[in-house]
């Protein structure tokens, strides 16, 4: 039972060729690497070789994140809004500004026009330009006061539990931007009611 194998049996075992398992169709054709080698290869791919490469990878990653955030912001996706644009108070302020046309959004084009008028050498045209400048400033101030009063009243009525800090300044700054260039983009058309 536990005896030695006879010499003839050993010779027979040597002559019999071991049967190899048939190769799998679609196999990788190489042995599986040891775990240590596989981990070393992964680490080498992730870890940069020098500081310059690390800096390049970081910059590329940041660029991709910024592009994703900007495209989400332009599309109106609230997940990509910066902290200054988040929350129901800021949403309410944006919608209130976007539902109305204000003279403040035309400030830049009108200011350029008035500046051109003041540069003309004719004294009467300069006087008209100065008068228009004063009229523009007065109209913008009145419009901004009306917007601030309406916004404060609307926030007190609809969003009582929220903090309204900074909402009026936020709305005034947005009202001075040209409608097409506002970011986040308007959700409502001018003259329409706000969406809840």
N, C-alpha and C. Protein backbone atom coordinates (compact mmCIF):
# COMPACT_ATOMS: atom_id res chain seq x y z
N UNK A 1 0.83 -1.19 0.00
CA UNK A 1 0.00 0.00 0.00
C UNK A 1 0.87 1.24 0.00
N UNK A 2 1.73 1.39 1.02
CA UNK A 2 2.62 2.53 1.05
C UNK A 2 4.01 2.16 0.58
N UNK A 3 4.11 1.18 -0.18
CA UNK A 3 5.43 0.70 -0.62
C UNK A 3 5.99 1.53 -1.75
N UNK A 4 7.19 1.16 -2.17
CA UNK A 4 7.82 1.87 -3.27
C UNK A 4 7.20 1.45 -4.59
N UNK A 5 7.27 2.39 -5.53
CA UNK A 5 6.76 2.08 -6.86
C UNK A 5 7.83 1.26 -7.57
N UNK A 6 7.40 0.26 -8.23
CA UNK A 6 8.37 -0.59 -8.93
C UNK A 6 8.97 0.16 -10.10
N UNK A 7 10.16 -0.25 -10.53
CA UNK A 7 10.85 0.44 -11.62
C UNK A 7 10.06 0.39 -12.92
N UNK A 8 9.38 -0.64 -13.19
CA UNK A 8 8.60 -0.74 -14.44
C UNK A 8 7.44 0.24 -14.43
N UNK A 9 6.82 0.39 -13.29
CA UNK A 9 5.69 1.33 -13.18
C UNK A 9 6.18 2.76 -13.36
N UNK A 10 7.39 3.06 -12.82
CA UNK A 10 7.96 4.40 -12.96
C UNK A 10 8.28 4.68 -14.41
N UNK A 11 8.81 3.63 -15.13
CA UNK A 11 9.11 3.81 -16.55
C UNK A 11 7.83 4.06 -17.35
N UNK A 12 6.79 3.33 -17.03
CA UNK A 12 5.51 3.52 -17.72
C UNK A 12 4.97 4.95 -17.51
N UNK A 13 5.15 5.47 -16.29
CA UNK A 13 4.68 6.83 -15.98
C UNK A 13 5.46 7.87 -16.77
N UNK A 14 6.76 7.64 -17.02
CA UNK A 14 7.57 8.58 -17.77
C UNK A 14 7.17 8.59 -19.24
N UNK A 15 6.81 7.43 -19.77
CA UNK A 15 6.49 7.36 -21.19
C UNK A 15 5.13 7.99 -21.50
N UNK A 16 4.23 8.00 -20.54
CA UNK A 16 2.90 8.58 -20.78
C UNK A 16 3.02 10.10 -20.75
N UNK A 17 2.63 10.75 -21.81
CA UNK A 17 2.71 12.21 -21.88
C UNK A 17 1.53 12.81 -21.14
N UNK A 18 1.78 13.86 -20.41
CA UNK A 18 0.65 14.50 -19.71
C UNK A 18 -0.27 15.16 -20.73
N UNK A 19 -1.57 15.01 -20.49
CA UNK A 19 -2.56 15.61 -21.41
C UNK A 19 -2.79 17.05 -20.99
N UNK A 20 -2.58 17.93 -21.93
CA UNK A 20 -2.79 19.35 -21.61
C UNK A 20 -4.25 19.71 -21.92
N UNK A 21 -4.77 20.59 -21.10
CA UNK A 21 -6.16 21.01 -21.28
C UNK A 21 -6.26 21.82 -22.57
N UNK A 22 -7.33 21.66 -23.32
CA UNK A 22 -7.47 22.41 -24.56
C UNK A 22 -7.54 23.91 -24.26
N UNK A 23 -6.88 24.72 -25.11
CA UNK A 23 -6.87 26.18 -24.91
C UNK A 23 -8.26 26.75 -25.11
N UNK A 24 -8.62 27.70 -24.24
CA UNK A 24 -9.93 28.33 -24.32
C UNK A 24 -9.98 29.24 -25.54
N UNK A 25 -11.10 29.18 -26.24
CA UNK A 25 -11.26 30.07 -27.39
C UNK A 25 -11.44 31.49 -26.86
N UNK A 26 -10.68 32.44 -27.40
CA UNK A 26 -10.81 33.83 -26.95
C UNK A 26 -10.05 34.09 -25.67
N UNK A 27 -9.16 33.21 -25.26
CA UNK A 27 -8.38 33.43 -24.05
C UNK A 27 -7.36 34.53 -24.27
N UNK A 28 -6.73 34.99 -23.18
CA UNK A 28 -5.79 36.10 -23.31
C UNK A 28 -4.42 35.68 -23.80
N UNK A 29 -4.12 34.38 -23.74
CA UNK A 29 -2.88 33.89 -24.31
C UNK A 29 -1.64 34.15 -23.47
N UNK A 30 -1.82 34.53 -22.22
CA UNK A 30 -0.68 34.74 -21.32
C UNK A 30 -1.13 34.41 -19.91
N UNK A 31 -0.19 34.12 -19.04
CA UNK A 31 -0.58 33.77 -17.67
C UNK A 31 -1.10 35.00 -16.91
N UNK A 32 -1.97 34.72 -15.97
CA UNK A 32 -2.51 35.80 -15.13
C UNK A 32 -1.39 36.35 -14.25
N UNK A 33 -1.24 37.68 -14.20
CA UNK A 33 -0.15 38.23 -13.38
C UNK A 33 -0.46 38.06 -11.90
N UNK A 34 0.60 38.01 -11.11
CA UNK A 34 0.41 37.90 -9.67
C UNK A 34 -0.18 39.20 -9.15
N UNK A 35 -0.83 39.12 -8.03
CA UNK A 35 -1.51 40.27 -7.46
C UNK A 35 -0.54 41.44 -7.24
N UNK A 36 0.64 41.13 -6.71
CA UNK A 36 1.61 42.17 -6.42
C UNK A 36 2.01 42.93 -7.69
N UNK A 37 2.20 42.18 -8.78
CA UNK A 37 2.58 42.81 -10.05
C UNK A 37 1.44 43.66 -10.61
N UNK A 38 0.23 43.17 -10.49
CA UNK A 38 -0.93 43.91 -11.00
C UNK A 38 -1.11 45.22 -10.24
N UNK A 39 -0.96 45.17 -8.91
CA UNK A 39 -1.09 46.38 -8.10
C UNK A 39 0.01 47.38 -8.42
N UNK A 40 1.21 46.90 -8.64
CA UNK A 40 2.33 47.77 -8.97
C UNK A 40 2.06 48.47 -10.30
N UNK A 41 1.50 47.74 -11.26
CA UNK A 41 1.18 48.34 -12.56
C UNK A 41 0.10 49.40 -12.44
N UNK A 42 -0.92 49.15 -11.63
CA UNK A 42 -1.97 50.15 -11.43
C UNK A 42 -1.42 51.40 -10.76
N UNK A 43 -0.58 51.20 -9.75
CA UNK A 43 -0.01 52.32 -9.02
C UNK A 43 0.85 53.18 -9.95
N UNK A 44 1.58 52.53 -10.83
CA UNK A 44 2.44 53.24 -11.75
C UNK A 44 1.61 54.09 -12.72
N UNK A 45 0.44 53.59 -13.12
CA UNK A 45 -0.40 54.33 -14.07
C UNK A 45 -1.01 55.57 -13.42
N UNK A 46 -1.37 55.48 -12.13
CA UNK A 46 -2.03 56.58 -11.45
C UNK A 46 -1.02 57.61 -10.96
N UNK A 47 0.06 57.14 -10.35
CA UNK A 47 1.05 58.04 -9.78
C UNK A 47 1.94 58.63 -10.86
N UNK A 48 2.02 59.97 -10.94
CA UNK A 48 2.88 60.57 -11.97
C UNK A 48 4.36 60.36 -11.65
N UNK A 49 5.17 60.41 -12.69
CA UNK A 49 6.60 60.15 -12.54
C UNK A 49 7.33 61.31 -11.87
N UNK A 50 6.91 62.56 -12.18
CA UNK A 50 7.60 63.72 -11.58
C UNK A 50 6.58 64.82 -11.28
N UNK A 51 7.07 65.91 -10.72
CA UNK A 51 6.19 67.00 -10.32
C UNK A 51 5.53 67.67 -11.52
N UNK A 52 6.25 67.77 -12.61
CA UNK A 52 5.71 68.40 -13.81
C UNK A 52 4.51 67.62 -14.35
N UNK A 53 4.65 66.29 -14.37
CA UNK A 53 3.55 65.43 -14.83
C UNK A 53 2.36 65.52 -13.88
N UNK A 54 2.64 65.55 -12.56
CA UNK A 54 1.56 65.67 -11.56
C UNK A 54 0.81 66.98 -11.75
N UNK A 55 1.55 68.06 -11.98
CA UNK A 55 0.94 69.37 -12.20
C UNK A 55 0.07 69.35 -13.47
N UNK A 56 0.56 68.71 -14.53
CA UNK A 56 -0.18 68.64 -15.79
C UNK A 56 -1.50 67.86 -15.59
N UNK A 57 -1.42 66.74 -14.87
CA UNK A 57 -2.62 65.94 -14.62
C UNK A 57 -3.64 66.71 -13.78
N UNK A 58 -3.15 67.42 -12.77
CA UNK A 58 -4.05 68.21 -11.92
C UNK A 58 -4.74 69.30 -12.72
N UNK A 59 -3.96 69.98 -13.57
CA UNK A 59 -4.54 71.04 -14.40
C UNK A 59 -5.60 70.49 -15.36
N UNK A 60 -5.32 69.33 -15.95
CA UNK A 60 -6.28 68.72 -16.89
C UNK A 60 -7.56 68.35 -16.16
N UNK A 61 -7.42 67.78 -14.95
CA UNK A 61 -8.60 67.40 -14.17
C UNK A 61 -9.43 68.63 -13.78
N UNK A 62 -8.76 69.69 -13.35
CA UNK A 62 -9.46 70.91 -12.99
C UNK A 62 -10.15 71.55 -14.19
N UNK A 63 -9.50 71.50 -15.34
CA UNK A 63 -10.10 72.05 -16.56
C UNK A 63 -11.38 71.31 -16.92
N UNK A 64 -11.34 69.98 -16.83
CA UNK A 64 -12.54 69.19 -17.12
C UNK A 64 -13.67 69.51 -16.15
N UNK A 65 -13.34 69.63 -14.86
CA UNK A 65 -14.37 69.94 -13.86
C UNK A 65 -14.97 71.32 -14.11
N UNK A 66 -14.11 72.28 -14.47
CA UNK A 66 -14.61 73.63 -14.76
C UNK A 66 -15.52 73.64 -15.97
N UNK A 67 -15.13 72.92 -17.02
CA UNK A 67 -15.97 72.87 -18.23
C UNK A 67 -17.32 72.23 -17.94
N UNK A 68 -17.29 71.17 -17.13
CA UNK A 68 -18.55 70.52 -16.76
C UNK A 68 -19.44 71.47 -15.96
N UNK A 69 -18.84 72.21 -15.02
CA UNK A 69 -19.60 73.14 -14.19
C UNK A 69 -20.17 74.28 -15.02
N UNK A 70 -19.37 74.82 -15.93
CA UNK A 70 -19.83 75.95 -16.77
C UNK A 70 -20.95 75.51 -17.70
N UNK A 71 -20.80 74.33 -18.31
CA UNK A 71 -21.86 73.86 -19.21
C UNK A 71 -23.14 73.56 -18.43
N UNK A 72 -23.01 73.02 -17.21
CA UNK A 72 -24.18 72.79 -16.37
C UNK A 72 -24.84 74.09 -15.94
N UNK A 73 -24.02 75.09 -15.64
CA UNK A 73 -24.53 76.40 -15.23
C UNK A 73 -25.27 77.07 -16.37
N UNK A 74 -24.69 76.99 -17.58
CA UNK A 74 -25.35 77.61 -18.75
C UNK A 74 -26.62 76.89 -19.14
N UNK A 75 -26.67 75.58 -18.84
CA UNK A 75 -27.87 74.81 -19.16
C UNK A 75 -28.96 75.02 -18.11
N UNK A 76 -28.59 75.64 -16.97
CA UNK A 76 -29.57 75.87 -15.91
C UNK A 76 -29.71 74.71 -14.94
N UNK A 77 -28.72 73.83 -14.91
CA UNK A 77 -28.74 72.68 -14.00
C UNK A 77 -28.33 73.16 -12.60
N UNK A 78 -29.25 73.09 -11.65
CA UNK A 78 -29.01 73.65 -10.32
C UNK A 78 -27.92 72.93 -9.55
N UNK A 79 -27.56 71.72 -9.95
CA UNK A 79 -26.48 71.00 -9.26
C UNK A 79 -25.14 71.67 -9.49
N UNK A 80 -25.00 72.41 -10.59
CA UNK A 80 -23.73 73.05 -10.93
C UNK A 80 -23.68 74.52 -10.55
N UNK A 81 -24.73 75.04 -9.89
CA UNK A 81 -24.74 76.44 -9.51
C UNK A 81 -23.71 76.70 -8.42
N UNK A 82 -23.01 77.84 -8.48
CA UNK A 82 -22.13 78.20 -7.37
C UNK A 82 -22.97 78.56 -6.14
N UNK A 83 -22.37 78.60 -4.96
CA UNK A 83 -23.14 78.88 -3.74
C UNK A 83 -23.94 80.18 -3.79
N UNK A 84 -23.45 81.21 -4.49
CA UNK A 84 -24.18 82.49 -4.53
C UNK A 84 -25.51 82.37 -5.28
N UNK A 85 -25.68 81.37 -6.15
CA UNK A 85 -26.90 81.21 -6.94
C UNK A 85 -27.83 80.12 -6.40
N UNK A 86 -27.46 79.48 -5.32
CA UNK A 86 -28.25 78.35 -4.82
C UNK A 86 -29.31 78.81 -3.82
N UNK A 87 -30.34 78.01 -3.72
CA UNK A 87 -31.37 78.23 -2.72
C UNK A 87 -32.64 78.84 -3.29
N UNK A 88 -33.74 78.67 -2.56
CA UNK A 88 -35.03 79.18 -3.05
C UNK A 88 -35.12 80.70 -3.07
N UNK A 89 -34.39 81.39 -2.17
CA UNK A 89 -34.43 82.86 -2.14
C UNK A 89 -33.80 83.43 -3.40
N UNK A 90 -32.64 82.88 -3.79
CA UNK A 90 -31.96 83.37 -4.99
C UNK A 90 -32.77 83.01 -6.24
N UNK A 91 -33.41 81.86 -6.23
CA UNK A 91 -34.25 81.46 -7.37
C UNK A 91 -35.43 82.43 -7.52
N UNK A 92 -36.04 82.79 -6.40
CA UNK A 92 -37.16 83.74 -6.42
C UNK A 92 -36.70 85.09 -6.94
N UNK A 93 -35.52 85.55 -6.46
CA UNK A 93 -34.98 86.84 -6.90
C UNK A 93 -34.68 86.83 -8.40
N UNK A 94 -34.08 85.74 -8.87
CA UNK A 94 -33.78 85.63 -10.31
C UNK A 94 -35.05 85.69 -11.14
N UNK A 95 -36.06 84.94 -10.72
CA UNK A 95 -37.30 84.90 -11.48
C UNK A 95 -38.00 86.26 -11.48
N UNK A 96 -37.94 86.97 -10.34
CA UNK A 96 -38.58 88.29 -10.29
C UNK A 96 -37.87 89.26 -11.23
N UNK A 97 -36.57 89.21 -11.28
CA UNK A 97 -35.81 90.09 -12.18
C UNK A 97 -36.09 89.72 -13.64
N UNK A 98 -36.16 88.43 -13.92
CA UNK A 98 -36.30 87.96 -15.30
C UNK A 98 -37.70 88.17 -15.87
N UNK A 99 -38.72 88.33 -15.01
CA UNK A 99 -40.09 88.51 -15.52
C UNK A 99 -40.35 89.94 -15.98
N UNK A 100 -39.47 90.86 -15.63
CA UNK A 100 -39.72 92.26 -15.99
C UNK A 100 -38.58 92.82 -16.82
N UNK A 101 -38.91 93.76 -17.67
CA UNK A 101 -37.89 94.51 -18.40
C UNK A 101 -37.52 95.71 -17.54
N UNK A 102 -36.23 95.99 -17.46
CA UNK A 102 -35.80 97.17 -16.69
C UNK A 102 -34.83 97.98 -17.52
N UNK A 103 -34.78 99.28 -17.23
CA UNK A 103 -33.87 100.16 -17.96
C UNK A 103 -32.42 99.83 -17.61
N UNK A 104 -32.20 99.23 -16.44
CA UNK A 104 -30.83 98.92 -15.99
C UNK A 104 -30.15 97.91 -16.90
N UNK A 105 -30.91 97.02 -17.51
CA UNK A 105 -30.28 96.02 -18.38
C UNK A 105 -29.76 96.64 -19.68
N UNK A 106 -30.25 97.83 -20.02
CA UNK A 106 -29.77 98.54 -21.20
C UNK A 106 -28.75 99.62 -20.84
N UNK A 107 -28.27 99.58 -19.59
CA UNK A 107 -27.36 100.63 -19.12
C UNK A 107 -26.09 100.71 -19.96
N UNK A 108 -25.42 99.58 -20.21
CA UNK A 108 -24.15 99.62 -20.94
C UNK A 108 -24.29 100.17 -22.36
N UNK A 109 -25.24 99.68 -23.17
CA UNK A 109 -25.37 100.26 -24.52
C UNK A 109 -25.72 101.75 -24.49
N UNK A 110 -26.62 102.14 -23.56
CA UNK A 110 -26.99 103.55 -23.47
C UNK A 110 -25.82 104.40 -22.99
N UNK A 111 -25.03 103.85 -22.06
CA UNK A 111 -23.86 104.60 -21.55
C UNK A 111 -22.85 104.84 -22.67
N UNK A 112 -22.65 103.86 -23.54
CA UNK A 112 -21.72 104.04 -24.67
C UNK A 112 -22.25 105.13 -25.61
N UNK A 113 -23.55 105.09 -25.88
CA UNK A 113 -24.16 106.09 -26.75
C UNK A 113 -24.02 107.50 -26.17
N UNK A 114 -24.29 107.63 -24.87
CA UNK A 114 -24.18 108.94 -24.22
C UNK A 114 -22.73 109.41 -24.19
N UNK A 115 -21.80 108.49 -23.99
CA UNK A 115 -20.38 108.84 -23.99
C UNK A 115 -19.96 109.39 -25.35
N UNK A 116 -20.45 108.77 -26.41
CA UNK A 116 -20.15 109.26 -27.76
C UNK A 116 -20.71 110.67 -27.94
N UNK A 117 -21.92 110.91 -27.43
CA UNK A 117 -22.52 112.25 -27.54
C UNK A 117 -21.70 113.30 -26.79
N UNK A 118 -21.17 112.93 -25.63
CA UNK A 118 -20.39 113.91 -24.85
C UNK A 118 -19.02 114.17 -25.47
N UNK A 119 -18.54 113.30 -26.35
CA UNK A 119 -17.24 113.51 -26.98
C UNK A 119 -17.32 114.40 -28.23
N UNK A 120 -18.53 114.64 -28.73
CA UNK A 120 -18.70 115.50 -29.90
C UNK A 120 -18.42 116.95 -29.51
N UNK A 121 -17.83 117.71 -30.40
CA UNK A 121 -17.35 119.06 -30.08
C UNK A 121 -18.48 120.09 -29.97
N UNK A 122 -19.60 119.78 -30.54
CA UNK A 122 -20.72 120.73 -30.49
C UNK A 122 -21.21 120.85 -29.05
N UNK A 123 -21.32 122.09 -28.56
CA UNK A 123 -21.69 122.33 -27.16
C UNK A 123 -23.11 121.88 -26.86
N UNK A 124 -24.01 122.07 -27.81
CA UNK A 124 -25.42 121.70 -27.59
C UNK A 124 -25.56 120.17 -27.49
N UNK A 125 -24.83 119.42 -28.31
CA UNK A 125 -24.88 117.95 -28.26
C UNK A 125 -24.30 117.44 -26.94
N UNK A 126 -23.23 118.09 -26.48
CA UNK A 126 -22.66 117.72 -25.18
C UNK A 126 -23.66 117.94 -24.05
N UNK A 127 -24.38 119.04 -24.13
CA UNK A 127 -25.38 119.35 -23.11
C UNK A 127 -26.49 118.30 -23.11
N UNK A 128 -26.91 117.89 -24.31
CA UNK A 128 -27.94 116.84 -24.43
C UNK A 128 -27.40 115.53 -23.85
N UNK A 129 -26.13 115.22 -24.15
CA UNK A 129 -25.52 114.00 -23.61
C UNK A 129 -25.46 114.01 -22.09
N UNK A 130 -25.12 115.15 -21.49
CA UNK A 130 -25.07 115.25 -20.02
C UNK A 130 -26.46 115.11 -19.42
N UNK A 131 -27.47 115.71 -20.07
CA UNK A 131 -28.85 115.62 -19.57
C UNK A 131 -29.35 114.18 -19.64
N UNK A 132 -29.02 113.52 -20.77
CA UNK A 132 -29.41 112.11 -20.91
C UNK A 132 -28.73 111.24 -19.85
N UNK A 133 -27.47 111.56 -19.56
CA UNK A 133 -26.73 110.80 -18.53
C UNK A 133 -27.43 110.91 -17.18
N UNK A 134 -27.78 112.13 -16.78
CA UNK A 134 -28.48 112.34 -15.50
C UNK A 134 -29.85 111.65 -15.50
N UNK A 135 -30.56 111.75 -16.62
CA UNK A 135 -31.88 111.12 -16.70
C UNK A 135 -31.76 109.60 -16.58
N UNK A 136 -30.74 109.03 -17.23
CA UNK A 136 -30.53 107.58 -17.17
C UNK A 136 -30.25 107.13 -15.74
N UNK A 137 -29.39 107.86 -15.04
CA UNK A 137 -29.06 107.50 -13.66
C UNK A 137 -30.30 107.59 -12.77
N UNK A 138 -31.09 108.64 -12.92
CA UNK A 138 -32.30 108.81 -12.09
C UNK A 138 -33.30 107.69 -12.35
N UNK A 139 -33.50 107.36 -13.64
CA UNK A 139 -34.46 106.30 -13.99
C UNK A 139 -33.99 104.94 -13.42
N UNK A 140 -32.70 104.66 -13.50
CA UNK A 140 -32.17 103.39 -12.99
C UNK A 140 -32.33 103.31 -11.47
N UNK A 141 -32.08 104.43 -10.78
CA UNK A 141 -32.23 104.44 -9.32
C UNK A 141 -33.69 104.19 -8.94
N UNK A 142 -34.62 104.86 -9.60
CA UNK A 142 -36.06 104.68 -9.30
C UNK A 142 -36.47 103.24 -9.59
N UNK A 143 -36.05 102.70 -10.74
CA UNK A 143 -36.39 101.33 -11.10
C UNK A 143 -35.81 100.32 -10.09
N UNK A 144 -34.59 100.58 -9.62
CA UNK A 144 -33.96 99.68 -8.65
C UNK A 144 -34.68 99.72 -7.31
N UNK A 145 -35.13 100.91 -6.89
CA UNK A 145 -35.88 101.03 -5.63
C UNK A 145 -37.20 100.27 -5.73
N UNK A 146 -37.88 100.41 -6.86
CA UNK A 146 -39.15 99.68 -7.06
C UNK A 146 -38.91 98.17 -7.03
N UNK A 147 -37.86 97.71 -7.71
CA UNK A 147 -37.53 96.29 -7.72
C UNK A 147 -37.22 95.79 -6.31
N UNK A 148 -36.44 96.54 -5.55
CA UNK A 148 -36.08 96.14 -4.19
C UNK A 148 -37.32 96.05 -3.30
N UNK A 149 -38.23 97.02 -3.42
CA UNK A 149 -39.45 96.99 -2.60
C UNK A 149 -40.32 95.79 -2.96
N UNK A 150 -40.49 95.53 -4.25
CA UNK A 150 -41.31 94.39 -4.68
C UNK A 150 -40.69 93.07 -4.24
N UNK A 151 -39.36 92.97 -4.36
CA UNK A 151 -38.68 91.74 -3.97
C UNK A 151 -38.79 91.51 -2.47
N UNK A 152 -38.57 92.55 -1.67
CA UNK A 152 -38.67 92.39 -0.21
C UNK A 152 -40.08 91.96 0.20
N UNK A 153 -41.09 92.58 -0.42
CA UNK A 153 -42.47 92.23 -0.11
C UNK A 153 -42.78 90.79 -0.52
N UNK A 154 -42.32 90.40 -1.72
CA UNK A 154 -42.57 89.04 -2.19
C UNK A 154 -41.86 87.98 -1.36
N UNK A 155 -40.62 88.26 -0.94
CA UNK A 155 -39.89 87.31 -0.10
C UNK A 155 -40.55 87.14 1.26
N UNK A 156 -41.01 88.26 1.85
CA UNK A 156 -41.70 88.16 3.16
C UNK A 156 -42.99 87.36 3.06
N UNK A 157 -43.66 87.49 1.91
CA UNK A 157 -44.94 86.80 1.74
C UNK A 157 -44.76 85.31 1.43
N UNK A 158 -43.79 84.95 0.61
CA UNK A 158 -43.69 83.56 0.15
C UNK A 158 -42.63 82.73 0.87
N UNK A 159 -41.49 83.31 1.21
CA UNK A 159 -40.40 82.54 1.83
C UNK A 159 -40.08 83.11 3.21
N UNK A 160 -40.99 82.85 4.15
CA UNK A 160 -40.84 83.44 5.48
C UNK A 160 -39.76 82.75 6.31
N UNK A 161 -39.57 81.46 6.15
CA UNK A 161 -38.60 80.72 6.97
C UNK A 161 -37.17 80.83 6.50
N UNK A 162 -36.93 81.42 5.33
CA UNK A 162 -35.58 81.49 4.76
C UNK A 162 -34.91 82.81 5.11
N UNK A 163 -33.58 82.81 5.06
CA UNK A 163 -32.81 84.04 5.27
C UNK A 163 -32.77 84.82 3.95
N UNK A 164 -33.13 86.10 4.02
CA UNK A 164 -33.19 86.95 2.82
C UNK A 164 -31.94 87.78 2.65
N UNK A 165 -30.90 87.49 3.39
CA UNK A 165 -29.69 88.29 3.39
C UNK A 165 -29.02 88.27 2.00
N UNK A 166 -28.76 89.44 1.47
CA UNK A 166 -28.06 89.57 0.19
C UNK A 166 -28.94 89.39 -1.04
N UNK A 167 -30.21 89.11 -0.86
CA UNK A 167 -31.09 88.83 -2.01
C UNK A 167 -31.34 90.09 -2.83
N UNK A 168 -31.48 91.24 -2.19
CA UNK A 168 -31.79 92.48 -2.92
C UNK A 168 -30.59 92.90 -3.76
N UNK A 169 -29.40 92.87 -3.17
CA UNK A 169 -28.19 93.22 -3.94
C UNK A 169 -27.99 92.24 -5.10
N UNK A 170 -28.27 90.96 -4.85
CA UNK A 170 -28.17 89.93 -5.90
C UNK A 170 -29.11 90.26 -7.05
N UNK A 171 -30.35 90.64 -6.72
CA UNK A 171 -31.34 90.96 -7.76
C UNK A 171 -30.94 92.22 -8.52
N UNK A 172 -30.43 93.24 -7.81
CA UNK A 172 -30.04 94.47 -8.48
C UNK A 172 -28.87 94.25 -9.44
N UNK A 173 -27.91 93.43 -9.02
CA UNK A 173 -26.78 93.13 -9.90
C UNK A 173 -27.24 92.36 -11.14
N UNK A 174 -28.18 91.44 -10.94
CA UNK A 174 -28.69 90.67 -12.08
C UNK A 174 -29.49 91.56 -13.03
N UNK A 175 -30.21 92.53 -12.48
CA UNK A 175 -31.03 93.40 -13.33
C UNK A 175 -30.17 94.29 -14.22
N UNK A 176 -28.89 94.50 -13.85
CA UNK A 176 -28.00 95.33 -14.67
C UNK A 176 -27.31 94.54 -15.78
N UNK A 177 -27.49 93.23 -15.80
CA UNK A 177 -26.89 92.40 -16.85
C UNK A 177 -27.83 92.34 -18.06
N UNK A 178 -27.24 92.29 -19.23
CA UNK A 178 -28.05 92.12 -20.44
C UNK A 178 -28.71 90.74 -20.37
N UNK A 179 -29.97 90.69 -20.68
CA UNK A 179 -30.76 89.47 -20.48
C UNK A 179 -30.12 88.23 -21.10
N UNK A 180 -29.59 88.35 -22.31
CA UNK A 180 -29.01 87.20 -22.99
C UNK A 180 -27.73 86.71 -22.33
N UNK A 181 -27.07 87.57 -21.58
CA UNK A 181 -25.80 87.23 -20.97
C UNK A 181 -25.92 86.82 -19.50
N UNK A 182 -27.13 86.72 -18.99
CA UNK A 182 -27.32 86.36 -17.59
C UNK A 182 -27.00 84.89 -17.35
N UNK A 183 -26.27 84.67 -16.26
CA UNK A 183 -25.92 83.31 -15.87
C UNK A 183 -26.24 83.18 -14.39
N UNK A 184 -27.05 82.20 -13.99
CA UNK A 184 -27.78 81.19 -14.75
C UNK A 184 -28.79 81.85 -15.70
N UNK A 185 -29.11 81.15 -16.79
CA UNK A 185 -30.01 81.74 -17.78
C UNK A 185 -31.42 81.90 -17.22
N UNK A 186 -32.18 82.87 -17.74
CA UNK A 186 -33.56 83.06 -17.26
C UNK A 186 -34.43 81.83 -17.52
N UNK A 187 -35.25 81.50 -16.53
CA UNK A 187 -36.19 80.38 -16.69
C UNK A 187 -37.52 80.85 -17.25
N UNK A 188 -37.79 82.14 -17.12
CA UNK A 188 -39.08 82.69 -17.55
C UNK A 188 -38.86 83.80 -18.56
N UNK A 189 -39.85 84.02 -19.41
CA UNK A 189 -39.76 85.10 -20.39
C UNK A 189 -40.21 86.41 -19.73
N UNK A 190 -39.73 87.50 -20.27
CA UNK A 190 -40.13 88.81 -19.74
C UNK A 190 -41.62 89.01 -19.94
N UNK A 191 -42.31 89.48 -18.90
CA UNK A 191 -43.74 89.68 -18.96
C UNK A 191 -44.56 88.47 -18.54
N UNK A 192 -43.92 87.31 -18.37
CA UNK A 192 -44.62 86.10 -17.93
C UNK A 192 -44.54 85.97 -16.42
N UNK A 193 -45.43 85.15 -15.86
CA UNK A 193 -45.40 84.90 -14.42
C UNK A 193 -44.28 83.93 -14.08
N UNK A 194 -43.82 84.03 -12.82
CA UNK A 194 -42.75 83.14 -12.36
C UNK A 194 -43.25 81.72 -12.23
N UNK A 195 -42.36 80.76 -12.53
CA UNK A 195 -42.67 79.34 -12.30
C UNK A 195 -42.39 79.03 -10.84
N UNK A 196 -43.22 78.27 -10.23
CA UNK A 196 -43.02 77.90 -8.81
C UNK A 196 -41.91 76.89 -8.67
